[in-house]
Amino acid sequence: MLKAALASLLLIAATAPAVAAVDRATAVSTLAGLYNSADVCNLSISRAKVDAYRDANAPSGDAMFNVDVFQATHALYAKQKDWTKDQTDAYCKTAAETAKTLGMNLP
């Protein structure tokens, strides 16, 4: 479970610039990870840049996009309930690298 989440974040970090359009599933996963890591990892990310990423990647007319992001974020919180401190630390390290790669860190 942790390996899959980390692999997804690494793949996203390696392939998705901050505002280049990505597929819907990647956008939902990335946004859920960003929202979650801002809370769980106390990651300082730019709200404006996250909003720009969301706006660039939300399919036009997709009324369920934000709902799906919320549900994916909630599912990530649920998965993390059983994680050890080491698993959470590894996730946070990867999340910080992803935010940096996407250019979403606060200066």
PDB file of N, CA and C in Angstrom:
ATOM      1  N   MET A   1       0.832  -1.180   0.000  1.00  0.00           N
ATOM      2  CA  MET A   1       0.000   0.000   0.000  1.00  0.00           C
ATOM      3  C   MET A   1       0.881   1.249   0.000  1.00  0.00           C
ATOM      4  N   LEU A   2       1.845   1.306   0.926  1.00  0.00           N
ATOM      5  CA  LEU A   2       2.743   2.453   0.986  1.00  0.00           C
ATOM      6  C   LEU A   2       3.582   2.528  -0.279  1.00  0.00           C
ATOM      7  N   LYS A   3       4.075   1.377  -0.725  1.00  0.00           N
ATOM      8  CA  LYS A   3       4.900   1.367  -1.931  1.00  0.00           C
ATOM      9  C   LYS A   3       4.120   1.884  -3.128  1.00  0.00           C
ATOM     10  N   ALA A   4       2.856   1.534  -3.226  1.00  0.00           N
ATOM     11  CA  ALA A   4       2.031   2.004  -4.340  1.00  0.00           C
ATOM     12  C   ALA A   4       1.840   3.516  -4.275  1.00  0.00           C
ATOM     13  N   ALA A   5       1.587   4.040  -3.079  1.00  0.00           N
ATOM     14  CA  ALA A   5       1.408   5.488  -2.920  1.00  0.00           C
ATOM     15  C   ALA A   5       2.693   6.228  -3.251  1.00  0.00           C
ATOM     16  N   LEU A   6       3.825   5.702  -2.770  1.00  0.00           N
ATOM     17  CA  LEU A   6       5.109   6.338  -3.052  1.00  0.00           C
ATOM     18  C   LEU A   6       5.446   6.254  -4.532  1.00  0.00           C
ATOM     19  N   ALA A   7       5.185   5.104  -5.137  1.00  0.00           N
ATOM     20  CA  ALA A   7       5.449   4.943  -6.564  1.00  0.00           C
ATOM     21  C   ALA A   7       4.609   5.917  -7.381  1.00  0.00           C
ATOM     22  N   SER A   8       3.359   6.092  -6.993  1.00  0.00           N
ATOM     23  CA  SER A   8       2.486   7.032  -7.697  1.00  0.00           C
ATOM     24  C   SER A   8       3.018   8.452  -7.587  1.00  0.00           C
ATOM     25  N   LEU A   9       3.421   8.833  -6.385  1.00  0.00           N
ATOM     26  CA  LEU A   9       3.957  10.181  -6.198  1.00  0.00           C
ATOM     27  C   LEU A   9       5.239  10.387  -6.994  1.00  0.00           C
ATOM     28  N   LEU A  10       6.124   9.383  -7.005  1.00  0.00           N
ATOM     29  CA  LEU A  10       7.363   9.492  -7.770  1.00  0.00           C
ATOM     30  C   LEU A  10       7.081   9.594  -9.262  1.00  0.00           C
ATOM     31  N   LEU A  11       6.164   8.785  -9.757  1.00  0.00           N
ATOM     32  CA  LEU A  11       5.805   8.824 -11.164  1.00  0.00           C
ATOM     33  C   LEU A  11       5.229  10.182 -11.526  1.00  0.00           C
ATOM     34  N   ILE A  12       4.371  10.684 -10.692  1.00  0.00           N
ATOM     35  CA  ILE A  12       3.764  11.992 -10.935  1.00  0.00           C
ATOM     36  C   ILE A  12       4.832  13.071 -10.925  1.00  0.00           C
ATOM     37  N   ALA A  13       5.727  13.001  -9.947  1.00  0.00           N
ATOM     38  CA  ALA A  13       6.779  14.005  -9.833  1.00  0.00           C
ATOM     39  C   ALA A  13       7.684  13.998 -11.050  1.00  0.00           C
ATOM     40  N   ALA A  14       7.939  12.824 -11.575  1.00  0.00           N
ATOM     41  CA  ALA A  14       8.854  12.700 -12.700  1.00  0.00           C
ATOM     42  C   ALA A  14       8.226  13.122 -14.022  1.00  0.00           C
ATOM     43  N   THR A  15       6.916  13.095 -14.117  1.00  0.00           N
ATOM     44  CA  THR A  15       6.285  13.288 -15.418  1.00  0.00           C
ATOM     45  C   THR A  15       5.362  14.488 -15.532  1.00  0.00           C
ATOM     46  N   ALA A  16       5.038  15.180 -14.445  1.00  0.00           N
ATOM     47  CA  ALA A  16       3.987  16.194 -14.526  1.00  0.00           C
ATOM     48  C   ALA A  16       4.461  17.568 -14.081  1.00  0.00           C
ATOM     49  N   PRO A  17       4.745  18.468 -15.028  1.00  0.00           N
ATOM     50  CA  PRO A  17       5.023  19.843 -14.635  1.00  0.00           C
ATOM     51  C   PRO A  17       3.795  20.462 -13.974  1.00  0.00           C
ATOM     52  N   ALA A  18       3.990  21.556 -13.266  1.00  0.00           N
ATOM     53  CA  ALA A  18       2.937  22.131 -12.427  1.00  0.00           C
ATOM     54  C   ALA A  18       1.651  22.453 -13.181  1.00  0.00           C
ATOM     55  N   VAL A  19       1.719  22.932 -14.404  1.00  0.00           N
ATOM     56  CA  VAL A  19       0.492  23.322 -15.071  1.00  0.00           C
ATOM     57  C   VAL A  19       0.236  22.577 -16.376  1.00  0.00           C
ATOM     58  N   ALA A  20       1.056  21.614 -16.718  1.00  0.00           N
ATOM     59  CA  ALA A  20       0.792  20.838 -17.930  1.00  0.00           C
ATOM     60  C   ALA A  20      -0.360  19.882 -17.659  1.00  0.00           C
ATOM     61  N   ALA A  21      -1.264  19.802 -18.609  1.00  0.00           N
ATOM     62  CA  ALA A  21      -2.432  18.944 -18.422  1.00  0.00           C
ATOM     63  C   ALA A  21      -2.017  17.478 -18.334  1.00  0.00           C
ATOM     64  N   VAL A  22      -2.589  16.793 -17.360  1.00  0.00           N
ATOM     65  CA  VAL A  22      -2.371  15.360 -17.181  1.00  0.00           C
ATOM     66  C   VAL A  22      -3.730  14.681 -17.228  1.00  0.00           C
ATOM     67  N   ASP A  23      -3.730  13.342 -17.230  1.00  0.00           N
ATOM     68  CA  ASP A  23      -5.018  12.662 -17.254  1.00  0.00           C
ATOM     69  C   ASP A  23      -5.746  12.879 -15.927  1.00  0.00           C
ATOM     70  N   ARG A  24      -7.040  12.644 -15.950  1.00  0.00           N
ATOM     71  CA  ARG A  24      -7.910  12.922 -14.802  1.00  0.00           C
ATOM     72  C   ARG A  24      -7.472  12.160 -13.559  1.00  0.00           C
ATOM     73  N   ALA A  25      -7.179  10.876 -13.704  1.00  0.00           N
ATOM     74  CA  ALA A  25      -6.794  10.054 -12.549  1.00  0.00           C
ATOM     75  C   ALA A  25      -5.507  10.565 -11.906  1.00  0.00           C
ATOM     76  N   THR A  26      -4.558  10.978 -12.729  1.00  0.00           N
ATOM     77  CA  THR A  26      -3.309  11.519 -12.202  1.00  0.00           C
ATOM     78  C   THR A  26      -3.564  12.829 -11.473  1.00  0.00           C
ATOM     79  N   ALA A  27      -4.404  13.676 -12.049  1.00  0.00           N
ATOM     80  CA  ALA A  27      -4.723  14.951 -11.407  1.00  0.00           C
ATOM     81  C   ALA A  27      -5.397  14.732 -10.060  1.00  0.00           C
ATOM     82  N   VAL A  28      -6.358  13.817 -10.001  1.00  0.00           N
ATOM     83  CA  VAL A  28      -7.051  13.524  -8.740  1.00  0.00           C
ATOM     84  C   VAL A  28      -6.056  13.009  -7.712  1.00  0.00           C
ATOM     85  N   SER A  29      -5.211  12.067  -8.107  1.00  0.00           N
ATOM     86  CA  SER A  29      -4.228  11.479  -7.195  1.00  0.00           C
ATOM     87  C   SER A  29      -3.222  12.515  -6.700  1.00  0.00           C
ATOM     88  N   THR A  30      -2.742  13.340  -7.606  1.00  0.00           N
ATOM     89  CA  THR A  30      -1.763  14.366  -7.237  1.00  0.00           C
ATOM     90  C   THR A  30      -2.367  15.371  -6.266  1.00  0.00           C
ATOM     91  N   LEU A  31      -3.556  15.853  -6.568  1.00  0.00           N
ATOM     92  CA  LEU A  31      -4.201  16.827  -5.685  1.00  0.00           C
ATOM     93  C   LEU A  31      -4.489  16.230  -4.313  1.00  0.00           C
ATOM     94  N   ALA A  32      -4.968  14.997  -4.278  1.00  0.00           N
ATOM     95  CA  ALA A  32      -5.220  14.337  -2.993  1.00  0.00           C
ATOM     96  C   ALA A  32      -3.929  14.238  -2.190  1.00  0.00           C
ATOM     97  N   GLY A  33      -2.846  13.866  -2.851  1.00  0.00           N
ATOM     98  CA  GLY A  33      -1.556  13.770  -2.174  1.00  0.00           C
ATOM     99  C   GLY A  33      -1.063  15.110  -1.662  1.00  0.00           C
ATOM    100  N   LEU A  34      -1.272  16.153  -2.450  1.00  0.00           N
ATOM    101  CA  LEU A  34      -0.847  17.486  -2.015  1.00  0.00           C
ATOM    102  C   LEU A  34      -1.656  17.962  -0.812  1.00  0.00           C
ATOM    103  N   TYR A  35      -2.972  17.825  -0.883  1.00  0.00           N
ATOM    104  CA  TYR A  35      -3.809  18.260   0.237  1.00  0.00           C
ATOM    105  C   TYR A  35      -3.484  17.463   1.494  1.00  0.00           C
ATOM    106  N   ASN A  36      -3.321  16.157   1.341  1.00  0.00           N
ATOM    107  CA  ASN A  36      -3.018  15.290   2.474  1.00  0.00           C
ATOM    108  C   ASN A  36      -1.652  15.614   3.069  1.00  0.00           C
ATOM    109  N   SER A  37      -0.644  15.759   2.234  1.00  0.00           N
ATOM    110  CA  SER A  37       0.707  15.982   2.747  1.00  0.00           C
ATOM    111  C   SER A  37       0.860  17.365   3.374  1.00  0.00           C
ATOM    112  N   ALA A  38       0.073  18.337   2.920  1.00  0.00           N
ATOM    113  CA  ALA A  38       0.117  19.646   3.568  1.00  0.00           C
ATOM    114  C   ALA A  38      -0.288  19.515   5.028  1.00  0.00           C
ATOM    115  N   ASP A  39      -1.226  18.633   5.299  1.00  0.00           N
ATOM    116  CA  ASP A  39      -1.708  18.407   6.660  1.00  0.00           C
ATOM    117  C   ASP A  39      -0.821  17.413   7.413  1.00  0.00           C
ATOM    118  N   VAL A  40      -0.699  16.209   6.895  1.00  0.00           N
ATOM    119  CA  VAL A  40       0.013  15.131   7.587  1.00  0.00           C
ATOM    120  C   VAL A  40       1.495  15.450   7.767  1.00  0.00           C
ATOM    121  N   CYS A  41       2.099  16.041   6.753  1.00  0.00           N
ATOM    122  CA  CYS A  41       3.544  16.294   6.771  1.00  0.00           C
ATOM    123  C   CYS A  41       3.880  17.739   7.112  1.00  0.00           C
ATOM    124  N   ASN A  42       2.863  18.552   7.348  1.00  0.00           N
ATOM    125  CA  ASN A  42       3.059  19.976   7.597  1.00  0.00           C
ATOM    126  C   ASN A  42       3.873  20.603   6.463  1.00  0.00           C
ATOM    127  N   LEU A  43       3.535  20.211   5.250  1.00  0.00           N
ATOM    128  CA  LEU A  43       4.240  20.659   4.062  1.00  0.00           C
ATOM    129  C   LEU A  43       3.726  22.037   3.655  1.00  0.00           C
ATOM    130  N   SER A  44       4.635  22.965   3.489  1.00  0.00           N
ATOM    131  CA  SER A  44       4.260  24.324   3.090  1.00  0.00           C
ATOM    132  C   SER A  44       4.242  24.413   1.572  1.00  0.00           C
ATOM    133  N   ILE A  45       3.042  24.435   1.022  1.00  0.00           N
ATOM    134  CA  ILE A  45       2.894  24.532  -0.427  1.00  0.00           C
ATOM    135  C   ILE A  45       2.044  25.746  -0.764  1.00  0.00           C
ATOM    136  N   SER A  46       2.225  26.230  -1.974  1.00  0.00           N
ATOM    137  CA  SER A  46       1.508  27.414  -2.438  1.00  0.00           C
ATOM    138  C   SER A  46       0.077  27.060  -2.822  1.00  0.00           C
ATOM    139  N   ARG A  47      -0.863  27.658  -2.138  1.00  0.00           N
ATOM    140  CA  ARG A  47      -2.277  27.430  -2.470  1.00  0.00           C
ATOM    141  C   ARG A  47      -2.556  27.889  -3.899  1.00  0.00           C
ATOM    142  N   ALA A  48      -1.978  29.011  -4.298  1.00  0.00           N
ATOM    143  CA  ALA A  48      -2.208  29.524  -5.649  1.00  0.00           C
ATOM    144  C   ALA A  48      -1.692  28.546  -6.706  1.00  0.00           C
ATOM    145  N   LYS A  49      -0.539  27.933  -6.448  1.00  0.00           N
ATOM    146  CA  LYS A  49       0.018  26.984  -7.421  1.00  0.00           C
ATOM    147  C   LYS A  49      -0.779  25.683  -7.448  1.00  0.00           C
ATOM    148  N   VAL A  50      -1.255  25.247  -6.296  1.00  0.00           N
ATOM    149  CA  VAL A  50      -2.107  24.051  -6.261  1.00  0.00           C
ATOM    150  C   VAL A  50      -3.413  24.347  -6.997  1.00  0.00           C
ATOM    151  N   ASP A  51      -3.977  25.526  -6.765  1.00  0.00           N
ATOM    152  CA  ASP A  51      -5.206  25.915  -7.467  1.00  0.00           C
ATOM    153  C   ASP A  51      -4.978  25.977  -8.980  1.00  0.00           C
ATOM    154  N   ALA A  52      -3.817  26.506  -9.390  1.00  0.00           N
ATOM    155  CA  ALA A  52      -3.503  26.580 -10.819  1.00  0.00           C
ATOM    156  C   ALA A  52      -3.378  25.174 -11.413  1.00  0.00           C
ATOM    157  N   TYR A  53      -2.763  24.265 -10.667  1.00  0.00           N
ATOM    158  CA  TYR A  53      -2.650  22.872 -11.121  1.00  0.00           C
ATOM    159  C   TYR A  53      -4.047  22.263 -11.270  1.00  0.00           C
ATOM    160  N   ARG A  54      -4.890  22.489 -10.259  1.00  0.00           N
ATOM    161  CA  ARG A  54      -6.262  21.964 -10.319  1.00  0.00           C
ATOM    162  C   ARG A  54      -7.005  22.539 -11.523  1.00  0.00           C
ATOM    163  N   ASP A  55      -6.928  23.846 -11.700  1.00  0.00           N
ATOM    164  CA  ASP A  55      -7.639  24.492 -12.801  1.00  0.00           C
ATOM    165  C   ASP A  55      -7.149  23.998 -14.167  1.00  0.00           C
ATOM    166  N   ALA A  56      -5.844  23.762 -14.282  1.00  0.00           N
ATOM    167  CA  ALA A  56      -5.276  23.302 -15.548  1.00  0.00           C
ATOM    168  C   ALA A  56      -5.636  21.852 -15.853  1.00  0.00           C
ATOM    169  N   ASN A  57      -5.945  21.087 -14.822  1.00  0.00           N
ATOM    170  CA  ASN A  57      -6.145  19.652 -15.011  1.00  0.00           C
ATOM    171  C   ASN A  57      -7.562  19.155 -14.777  1.00  0.00           C
ATOM    172  N   ALA A  58      -8.437  19.994 -14.274  1.00  0.00           N
ATOM    173  CA  ALA A  58      -9.834  19.586 -14.078  1.00  0.00           C
ATOM    174  C   ALA A  58     -10.521  19.556 -15.442  1.00  0.00           C
ATOM    175  N   PRO A  59     -11.062  18.415 -15.818  1.00  0.00           N
ATOM    176  CA  PRO A  59     -11.749  18.348 -17.107  1.00  0.00           C
ATOM    177  C   PRO A  59     -12.917  19.339 -17.161  1.00  0.00           C
ATOM    178  N   SER A  60     -13.051  20.000 -18.278  1.00  0.00           N
ATOM    179  CA  SER A  60     -14.120  20.978 -18.456  1.00  0.00           C
ATOM    180  C   SER A  60     -15.483  20.321 -18.282  1.00  0.00           C
ATOM    181  N   GLY A  61     -16.314  20.927 -17.455  1.00  0.00           N
ATOM    182  CA  GLY A  61     -17.665  20.436 -17.239  1.00  0.00           C
ATOM    183  C   GLY A  61     -17.767  19.208 -16.349  1.00  0.00           C
ATOM    184  N   ASP A  62     -16.675  18.812 -15.727  1.00  0.00           N
ATOM    185  CA  ASP A  62     -16.663  17.620 -14.862  1.00  0.00           C
ATOM    186  C   ASP A  62     -17.062  18.031 -13.448  1.00  0.00           C
ATOM    187  N   ALA A  63     -18.352  17.961 -13.171  1.00  0.00           N
ATOM    188  CA  ALA A  63     -18.880  18.398 -11.878  1.00  0.00           C
ATOM    189  C   ALA A  63     -18.410  17.525 -10.723  1.00  0.00           C
ATOM    190  N   MET A  64     -17.955  16.321 -10.999  1.00  0.00           N
ATOM    191  CA  MET A  64     -17.542  15.396  -9.937  1.00  0.00           C
ATOM    192  C   MET A  64     -16.045  15.438  -9.642  1.00  0.00           C
ATOM    193  N   PHE A  65     -15.291  16.251 -10.366  1.00  0.00           N
ATOM    194  CA  PHE A  65     -13.841  16.265 -10.191  1.00  0.00           C
ATOM    195  C   PHE A  65     -13.449  16.591  -8.751  1.00  0.00           C
ATOM    196  N   ASN A  66     -13.967  17.690  -8.212  1.00  0.00           N
ATOM    197  CA  ASN A  66     -13.609  18.078  -6.843  1.00  0.00           C
ATOM    198  C   ASN A  66     -14.093  17.058  -5.819  1.00  0.00           C
ATOM    199  N   VAL A  67     -15.233  16.442  -6.076  1.00  0.00           N
ATOM    200  CA  VAL A  67     -15.740  15.393  -5.186  1.00  0.00           C
ATOM    201  C   VAL A  67     -14.776  14.209  -5.190  1.00  0.00           C
ATOM    202  N   ASP A  68     -14.300  13.841  -6.367  1.00  0.00           N
ATOM    203  CA  ASP A  68     -13.364  12.723  -6.465  1.00  0.00           C
ATOM    204  C   ASP A  68     -12.037  13.043  -5.778  1.00  0.00           C
ATOM    205  N   VAL A  69     -11.590  14.288  -5.876  1.00  0.00           N
ATOM    206  CA  VAL A  69     -10.372  14.694  -5.168  1.00  0.00           C
ATOM    207  C   VAL A  69     -10.594  14.576  -3.661  1.00  0.00           C
ATOM    208  N   PHE A  70     -11.740  15.040  -3.184  1.00  0.00           N
ATOM    209  CA  PHE A  70     -12.058  14.935  -1.759  1.00  0.00           C
ATOM    210  C   PHE A  70     -12.074  13.476  -1.316  1.00  0.00           C
ATOM    211  N   GLN A  71     -12.730  12.625  -2.090  1.00  0.00           N
ATOM    212  CA  GLN A  71     -12.814  11.209  -1.724  1.00  0.00           C
ATOM    213  C   GLN A  71     -11.442  10.542  -1.743  1.00  0.00           C
ATOM    214  N   ALA A  72     -10.607  10.894  -2.700  1.00  0.00           N
ATOM    215  CA  ALA A  72      -9.255  10.332  -2.761  1.00  0.00           C
ATOM    216  C   ALA A  72      -8.419  10.804  -1.572  1.00  0.00           C
ATOM    217  N   THR A  73      -8.602  12.057  -1.180  1.00  0.00           N
ATOM    218  CA  THR A  73      -7.891  12.580  -0.010  1.00  0.00           C
ATOM    219  C   THR A  73      -8.343  11.841   1.241  1.00  0.00           C
ATOM    220  N   HIS A  74      -9.628  11.655   1.387  1.00  0.00           N
ATOM    221  CA  HIS A  74     -10.181  10.930   2.534  1.00  0.00           C
ATOM    222  C   HIS A  74      -9.661   9.487   2.564  1.00  0.00           C
ATOM    223  N   ALA A  75      -9.601   8.846   1.415  1.00  0.00           N
ATOM    224  CA  ALA A  75      -9.098   7.467   1.338  1.00  0.00           C
ATOM    225  C   ALA A  75      -7.628   7.398   1.742  1.00  0.00           C
ATOM    226  N   LEU A  76      -6.870   8.413   1.386  1.00  0.00           N
ATOM    227  CA  LEU A  76      -5.457   8.450   1.768  1.00  0.00           C
ATOM    228  C   LEU A  76      -5.310   8.578   3.279  1.00  0.00           C
ATOM    229  N   TYR A  77      -6.121   9.426   3.893  1.00  0.00           N
ATOM    230  CA  TYR A  77      -6.108   9.524   5.359  1.00  0.00           C
ATOM    231  C   TYR A  77      -6.437   8.171   5.988  1.00  0.00           C
ATOM    232  N   ALA A  78      -7.418   7.477   5.445  1.00  0.00           N
ATOM    233  CA  ALA A  78      -7.824   6.179   5.996  1.00  0.00           C
ATOM    234  C   ALA A  78      -6.690   5.162   5.897  1.00  0.00           C
ATOM    235  N   LYS A  79      -5.973   5.136   4.776  1.00  0.00           N
ATOM    236  CA  LYS A  79      -4.844   4.215   4.610  1.00  0.00           C
ATOM    237  C   LYS A  79      -3.751   4.500   5.629  1.00  0.00           C
ATOM    238  N   GLN A  80      -3.542   5.774   5.912  1.00  0.00           N
ATOM    239  CA  GLN A  80      -2.426   6.167   6.769  1.00  0.00           C
ATOM    240  C   GLN A  80      -2.658   5.858   8.239  1.00  0.00           C
ATOM    241  N   LYS A  81      -3.867   5.541   8.620  1.00  0.00           N
ATOM    242  CA  LYS A  81      -4.145   5.241  10.025  1.00  0.00           C
ATOM    243  C   LYS A  81      -3.302   4.091  10.540  1.00  0.00           C
ATOM    244  N   ASP A  82      -2.990   3.139   9.677  1.00  0.00           N
ATOM    245  CA  ASP A  82      -2.232   1.960  10.083  1.00  0.00           C
ATOM    246  C   ASP A  82      -0.734   2.073   9.802  1.00  0.00           C
ATOM    247  N   TRP A  83      -0.288   3.189   9.278  1.00  0.00           N
ATOM    248  CA  TRP A  83       1.126   3.339   8.951  1.00  0.00           C
ATOM    249  C   TRP A  83       1.961   3.548  10.203  1.00  0.00           C
ATOM    250  N   THR A  84       3.198   3.066  10.143  1.00  0.00           N
ATOM    251  CA  THR A  84       4.162   3.321  11.210  1.00  0.00           C
ATOM    252  C   THR A  84       4.749   4.712  11.003  1.00  0.00           C
ATOM    253  N   LYS A  85       5.480   5.177  11.992  1.00  0.00           N
ATOM    254  CA  LYS A  85       6.144   6.479  11.867  1.00  0.00           C
ATOM    255  C   LYS A  85       7.122   6.465  10.690  1.00  0.00           C
ATOM    256  N   ASP A  86       7.833   5.356  10.519  1.00  0.00           N
ATOM    257  CA  ASP A  86       8.782   5.254   9.406  1.00  0.00           C
ATOM    258  C   ASP A  86       8.078   5.331   8.052  1.00  0.00           C
ATOM    259  N   GLN A  87       6.924   4.698   7.940  1.00  0.00           N
ATOM    260  CA  GLN A  87       6.156   4.763   6.695  1.00  0.00           C
ATOM    261  C   GLN A  87       5.680   6.190   6.429  1.00  0.00           C
ATOM    262  N   THR A  88       5.215   6.845   7.463  1.00  0.00           N
ATOM    263  CA  THR A  88       4.757   8.229   7.312  1.00  0.00           C
ATOM    264  C   THR A  88       5.923   9.142   6.952  1.00  0.00           C
ATOM    265  N   ASP A  89       7.066   8.937   7.594  1.00  0.00           N
ATOM    266  CA  ASP A  89       8.251   9.742   7.279  1.00  0.00           C
ATOM    267  C   ASP A  89       8.671   9.563   5.819  1.00  0.00           C
ATOM    268  N   ALA A  90       8.639   8.325   5.336  1.00  0.00           N
ATOM    269  CA  ALA A  90       9.001   8.055   3.940  1.00  0.00           C
ATOM    270  C   ALA A  90       8.008   8.726   2.989  1.00  0.00           C
ATOM    271  N   TYR A  91       6.730   8.650   3.321  1.00  0.00           N
ATOM    272  CA  TYR A  91       5.693   9.298   2.514  1.00  0.00           C
ATOM    273  C   TYR A  91       5.927  10.812   2.476  1.00  0.00           C
ATOM    274  N   CYS A  92       6.214  11.386   3.629  1.00  0.00           N
ATOM    275  CA  CYS A  92       6.414  12.833   3.711  1.00  0.00           C
ATOM    276  C   CYS A  92       7.645  13.274   2.926  1.00  0.00           C
ATOM    277  N   LYS A  93       8.685  12.462   2.955  1.00  0.00           N
ATOM    278  CA  LYS A  93       9.892  12.787   2.188  1.00  0.00           C
ATOM    279  C   LYS A  93       9.560  12.807   0.697  1.00  0.00           C
ATOM    280  N   THR A  94       8.845  11.806   0.245  1.00  0.00           N
ATOM    281  CA  THR A  94       8.459  11.738  -1.163  1.00  0.00           C
ATOM    282  C   THR A  94       7.509  12.874  -1.524  1.00  0.00           C
ATOM    283  N   ALA A  95       6.585  13.192  -0.642  1.00  0.00           N
ATOM    284  CA  ALA A  95       5.644  14.284  -0.891  1.00  0.00           C
ATOM    285  C   ALA A  95       6.377  15.616  -1.015  1.00  0.00           C
ATOM    286  N   ALA A  96       7.372  15.834  -0.173  1.00  0.00           N
ATOM    287  CA  ALA A  96       8.157  17.070  -0.244  1.00  0.00           C
ATOM    288  C   ALA A  96       8.910  17.152  -1.569  1.00  0.00           C
ATOM    289  N   GLU A  97       9.464  16.026  -2.014  1.00  0.00           N
ATOM    290  CA  GLU A  97      10.168  15.997  -3.297  1.00  0.00           C
ATOM    291  C   GLU A  97       9.203  16.260  -4.453  1.00  0.00           C
ATOM    292  N   THR A  98       8.011  15.706  -4.355  1.00  0.00           N
ATOM    293  CA  THR A  98       6.999  15.913  -5.393  1.00  0.00           C
ATOM    294  C   THR A  98       6.601  17.382  -5.473  1.00  0.00           C
ATOM    295  N   ALA A  99       6.330  17.995  -4.328  1.00  0.00           N
ATOM    296  CA  ALA A  99       5.950  19.412  -4.303  1.00  0.00           C
ATOM    297  C   ALA A  99       7.066  20.277  -4.882  1.00  0.00           C
ATOM    298  N   LYS A 100       8.300  19.931  -4.556  1.00  0.00           N
ATOM    299  CA  LYS A 100       9.443  20.688  -5.078  1.00  0.00           C
ATOM    300  C   LYS A 100       9.534  20.527  -6.595  1.00  0.00           C
ATOM    301  N   THR A 101       9.396  19.293  -7.068  1.00  0.00           N
ATOM    302  CA  THR A 101       9.464  19.027  -8.503  1.00  0.00           C
ATOM    303  C   THR A 101       8.365  19.767  -9.260  1.00  0.00           C
ATOM    304  N   LEU A 102       7.182  19.823  -8.676  1.00  0.00           N
ATOM    305  CA  LEU A 102       6.060  20.516  -9.311  1.00  0.00           C
ATOM    306  C   LEU A 102       6.121  22.031  -9.120  1.00  0.00           C
ATOM    307  N   GLY A 103       7.106  22.511  -8.362  1.00  0.00           N
ATOM    308  CA  GLY A 103       7.259  23.946  -8.142  1.00  0.00           C
ATOM    309  C   GLY A 103       6.193  24.538  -7.247  1.00  0.00           C
ATOM    310  N   MET A 104       5.712  23.755  -6.284  1.00  0.00           N
ATOM    311  CA  MET A 104       4.613  24.209  -5.429  1.00  0.00           C
ATOM    312  C   MET A 104       5.041  24.597  -4.023  1.00  0.00           C
ATOM    313  N   ASN A 105       6.320  24.490  -3.718  1.00  0.00           N
ATOM    314  CA  ASN A 105       6.796  24.885  -2.387  1.00  0.00           C
ATOM    315  C   ASN A 105       6.680  26.387  -2.208  1.00  0.00           C
ATOM    316  N   LEU A 106       6.449  26.784  -0.978  1.00  0.00           N
ATOM    317  CA  LEU A 106       6.479  28.211  -0.675  1.00  0.00           C
ATOM    318  C   LEU A 106       7.935  28.646  -0.590  1.00  0.00           C
ATOM    319  N   PRO A 107       8.220  29.866  -1.041  1.00  0.00           N
ATOM    320  CA  PRO A 107       9.622  30.350  -0.986  1.00  0.00           C
ATOM    321  C   PRO A 107      10.094  30.554   0.429  1.00  0.00           C
TER     322      PRO A 107
END
